[in-house]
Amino acid sequence: MRCPFCGNIDTQVKDSRPAEDHVAIRRRRFCPACGGRFTTYERVQLRDLVVIKSSGKREPFDRDKLERSIRIAMQKRPIEPERLDQMISGIVRRLESLGDVDVPSRTIGEIVMETLARIDTVAYVRFASVYKNFQAADDFDKFVSELRPNPPAQE
């Protein structure tokens, strides 16, 4: 593993332990050249997924891009980082288990929204506002009103 500080390719693993509910390995590394310490994660990848955009463009699936968008939606929300990592790993496992390497971006968005809806409604609305391309405050109002339970009928 190349050192992110000096570029040395001879780094040493100092500690390995399970992470993210035993679906990844966290490795603490040390660079003898510059003395830098850093952490890497090793995950099982079942298959190389390809995302098919709505424009028809194809690009390799990027777990980091998925993680960034979810972390932005979850910003300043009361959720533990470990739970967030578990959620992201669960989404990736679900995508990998779909049985096809080609995954439409719409499917990814729907799975993320379904997961966020169960965990945090504010993050769900934040993500949906970008995913569904809200243009005006009325779009938010309509979306949030669909989330609210119907009030009981008054006589």
Protein backbone atom coordinates (compact mmCIF):
# COMPACT_ATOMS: atom_id res chain seq x y z
CA MET A 1 0.00 0.00 0.00
CA ARG A 2 1.44 3.37 -1.03
CA CYS A 3 1.91 5.96 1.74
CA PRO A 4 -0.48 8.89 1.19
CA PHE A 5 2.07 11.28 2.72
CA CYS A 6 5.36 10.52 0.96
CA GLY A 7 4.43 7.99 -1.74
CA ASN A 8 6.64 5.22 -0.34
CA ILE A 9 5.37 1.81 -1.51
CA ASP A 10 6.79 -0.09 1.47
CA THR A 11 4.29 0.44 4.30
CA GLN A 12 3.72 -1.89 7.23
CA VAL A 13 0.48 -3.14 8.76
CA LYS A 14 0.54 -2.48 12.51
CA ASP A 15 -2.97 -3.62 13.44
CA SER A 16 -5.88 -5.39 11.72
CA ARG A 17 -9.37 -5.81 13.09
CA PRO A 18 -12.91 -6.37 11.82
CA ALA A 19 -14.93 -3.26 11.01
CA GLU A 20 -18.43 -2.39 9.85
CA ASP A 21 -20.12 -5.35 11.50
CA HIS A 22 -17.49 -7.81 10.20
CA VAL A 23 -17.96 -6.95 6.51
CA ALA A 24 -14.63 -5.09 6.27
CA ILE A 25 -11.16 -5.20 7.77
CA ARG A 26 -9.65 -2.04 9.23
CA ARG A 27 -5.87 -1.90 8.94
CA ARG A 28 -3.67 0.63 10.74
CA ARG A 29 -0.55 1.20 8.66
CA PHE A 30 2.85 2.81 9.29
CA CYS A 31 5.32 4.24 6.79
CA PRO A 32 8.95 3.64 7.84
CA ALA A 33 10.17 6.29 5.38
CA CYS A 34 8.27 9.30 6.78
CA GLY A 35 6.77 7.93 10.01
CA GLY A 36 3.20 8.59 8.81
CA ARG A 37 0.30 6.55 10.13
CA PHE A 38 -2.92 5.95 8.21
CA THR A 39 -5.90 3.61 8.07
CA THR A 40 -7.14 1.50 5.18
CA TYR A 41 -10.28 -0.62 4.83
CA GLU A 42 -10.55 -3.88 2.94
CA ARG A 43 -13.99 -5.04 1.77
CA VAL A 44 -15.28 -8.01 -0.17
CA GLN A 45 -16.44 -7.00 -3.61
CA LEU A 46 -18.72 -9.60 -5.15
CA ARG A 47 -18.75 -8.11 -8.64
CA ASP A 48 -17.76 -4.98 -10.50
CA LEU A 49 -20.98 -3.02 -10.85
CA VAL A 50 -21.66 -0.64 -13.72
CA VAL A 51 -24.10 2.26 -13.22
CA ILE A 52 -26.37 3.07 -16.14
CA LYS A 53 -27.28 6.76 -15.98
CA SER A 54 -30.64 8.08 -17.19
CA SER A 55 -28.79 9.51 -20.23
CA GLY A 56 -27.65 5.98 -21.11
CA LYS A 57 -24.05 6.70 -20.14
CA ARG A 58 -22.31 3.85 -18.33
CA GLU A 59 -19.75 4.32 -15.56
CA PRO A 60 -18.17 2.08 -12.92
CA PHE A 61 -19.98 2.03 -9.57
CA ASP A 62 -18.20 4.22 -7.04
CA ARG A 63 -18.86 3.36 -3.39
CA ASP A 64 -17.21 6.62 -2.30
CA LYS A 65 -19.64 8.66 -4.42
CA LEU A 66 -22.58 6.82 -2.82
CA GLU A 67 -21.09 7.40 0.63
CA ARG A 68 -20.55 11.13 -0.02
CA SER A 69 -24.14 11.68 -1.13
CA ILE A 70 -25.52 9.82 1.89
CA ARG A 71 -23.20 11.66 4.30
CA ILE A 72 -24.34 14.99 2.85
CA ALA A 73 -27.98 14.00 3.41
CA MET A 74 -27.16 12.85 6.96
CA GLN A 75 -25.09 15.93 7.83
CA LYS A 76 -25.76 17.15 11.40
CA ARG A 77 -28.27 14.34 11.99
CA PRO A 78 -28.08 12.22 15.17
CA ILE A 79 -26.71 8.99 13.73
CA GLU A 80 -23.54 7.18 14.75
CA PRO A 81 -20.82 6.87 12.09
CA GLU A 82 -20.76 3.09 12.56
CA ARG A 83 -24.46 2.84 11.79
CA LEU A 84 -23.95 4.98 8.70
CA ASP A 85 -21.12 2.68 7.52
CA GLN A 86 -23.35 -0.35 8.11
CA MET A 87 -26.14 1.27 6.12
CA ILE A 88 -23.82 2.01 3.17
CA SER A 89 -22.41 -1.53 3.25
CA GLY A 90 -25.95 -2.91 3.30
CA ILE A 91 -26.91 -0.84 0.26
CA VAL A 92 -23.81 -2.02 -1.64
CA ARG A 93 -24.47 -5.68 -0.70
CA ARG A 94 -28.06 -5.28 -1.87
CA LEU A 95 -26.90 -3.83 -5.20
CA GLU A 96 -24.37 -6.64 -5.65
CA SER A 97 -27.01 -9.26 -4.90
CA LEU A 98 -29.41 -7.97 -7.58
CA GLY A 99 -27.86 -10.52 -9.92
CA ASP A 100 -26.82 -8.15 -12.68
CA VAL A 101 -23.64 -6.10 -13.02
CA ASP A 102 -25.55 -3.33 -14.83
CA VAL A 103 -27.52 -1.28 -12.29
CA PRO A 104 -29.69 1.67 -13.35
CA SER A 105 -29.01 4.84 -11.35
CA ARG A 106 -32.76 4.98 -10.66
CA THR A 107 -32.51 1.64 -8.78
CA ILE A 108 -29.64 2.95 -6.67
CA GLY A 109 -31.58 6.12 -5.84
CA GLU A 110 -34.69 4.18 -4.87
CA ILE A 111 -32.75 1.81 -2.61
CA VAL A 112 -31.01 4.74 -0.91
CA MET A 113 -34.31 6.59 -0.42
CA GLU A 114 -35.99 3.47 0.97
CA THR A 115 -33.13 3.00 3.44
CA LEU A 116 -33.02 6.65 4.49
CA ALA A 117 -36.81 6.73 4.99
CA ARG A 118 -36.45 4.01 7.65
CA ILE A 119 -33.56 5.73 9.43
CA ASP A 120 -34.10 9.50 9.31
CA THR A 121 -36.92 11.42 7.62
CA VAL A 122 -34.94 14.68 7.42
CA ALA A 123 -32.10 12.94 5.57
CA TYR A 124 -34.70 11.22 3.40
CA VAL A 125 -36.20 14.58 2.37
CA ARG A 126 -32.73 16.06 1.78
CA PHE A 127 -31.70 13.18 -0.46
CA ALA A 128 -35.04 13.19 -2.26
CA SER A 129 -34.75 16.91 -2.98
CA VAL A 130 -31.59 16.26 -5.01
CA TYR A 131 -32.64 12.88 -6.43
CA LYS A 132 -36.04 14.14 -7.58
CA ASN A 133 -34.58 17.50 -8.63
CA PHE A 134 -36.87 19.79 -6.63
CA GLN A 135 -37.05 23.21 -8.29
CA ALA A 136 -39.29 25.20 -5.92
CA ALA A 137 -40.54 25.27 -2.35
CA ASP A 138 -43.83 23.81 -3.58
CA ASP A 139 -41.96 20.64 -4.55
CA PHE A 140 -40.82 20.25 -0.93
CA ASP A 141 -44.27 21.00 0.40
CA LYS A 142 -45.92 18.41 -1.84
CA PHE A 143 -43.30 15.77 -1.01
CA VAL A 144 -43.47 16.35 2.76
CA SER A 145 -47.28 16.37 2.72
CA GLU A 146 -47.16 12.88 1.18
CA LEU A 147 -45.03 11.76 4.16
CA ARG A 148 -47.52 12.95 6.75
CA PRO A 149 -50.25 10.55 7.82
CA ASN A 150 -53.73 11.58 6.74
CA PRO A 151 -55.50 13.54 9.50
CA PRO A 152 -58.64 11.89 10.89
CA ALA A 153 -61.87 13.03 9.25
CA GLN A 154 -63.65 15.72 11.25
CA GLU A 155 -67.40 15.81 11.51
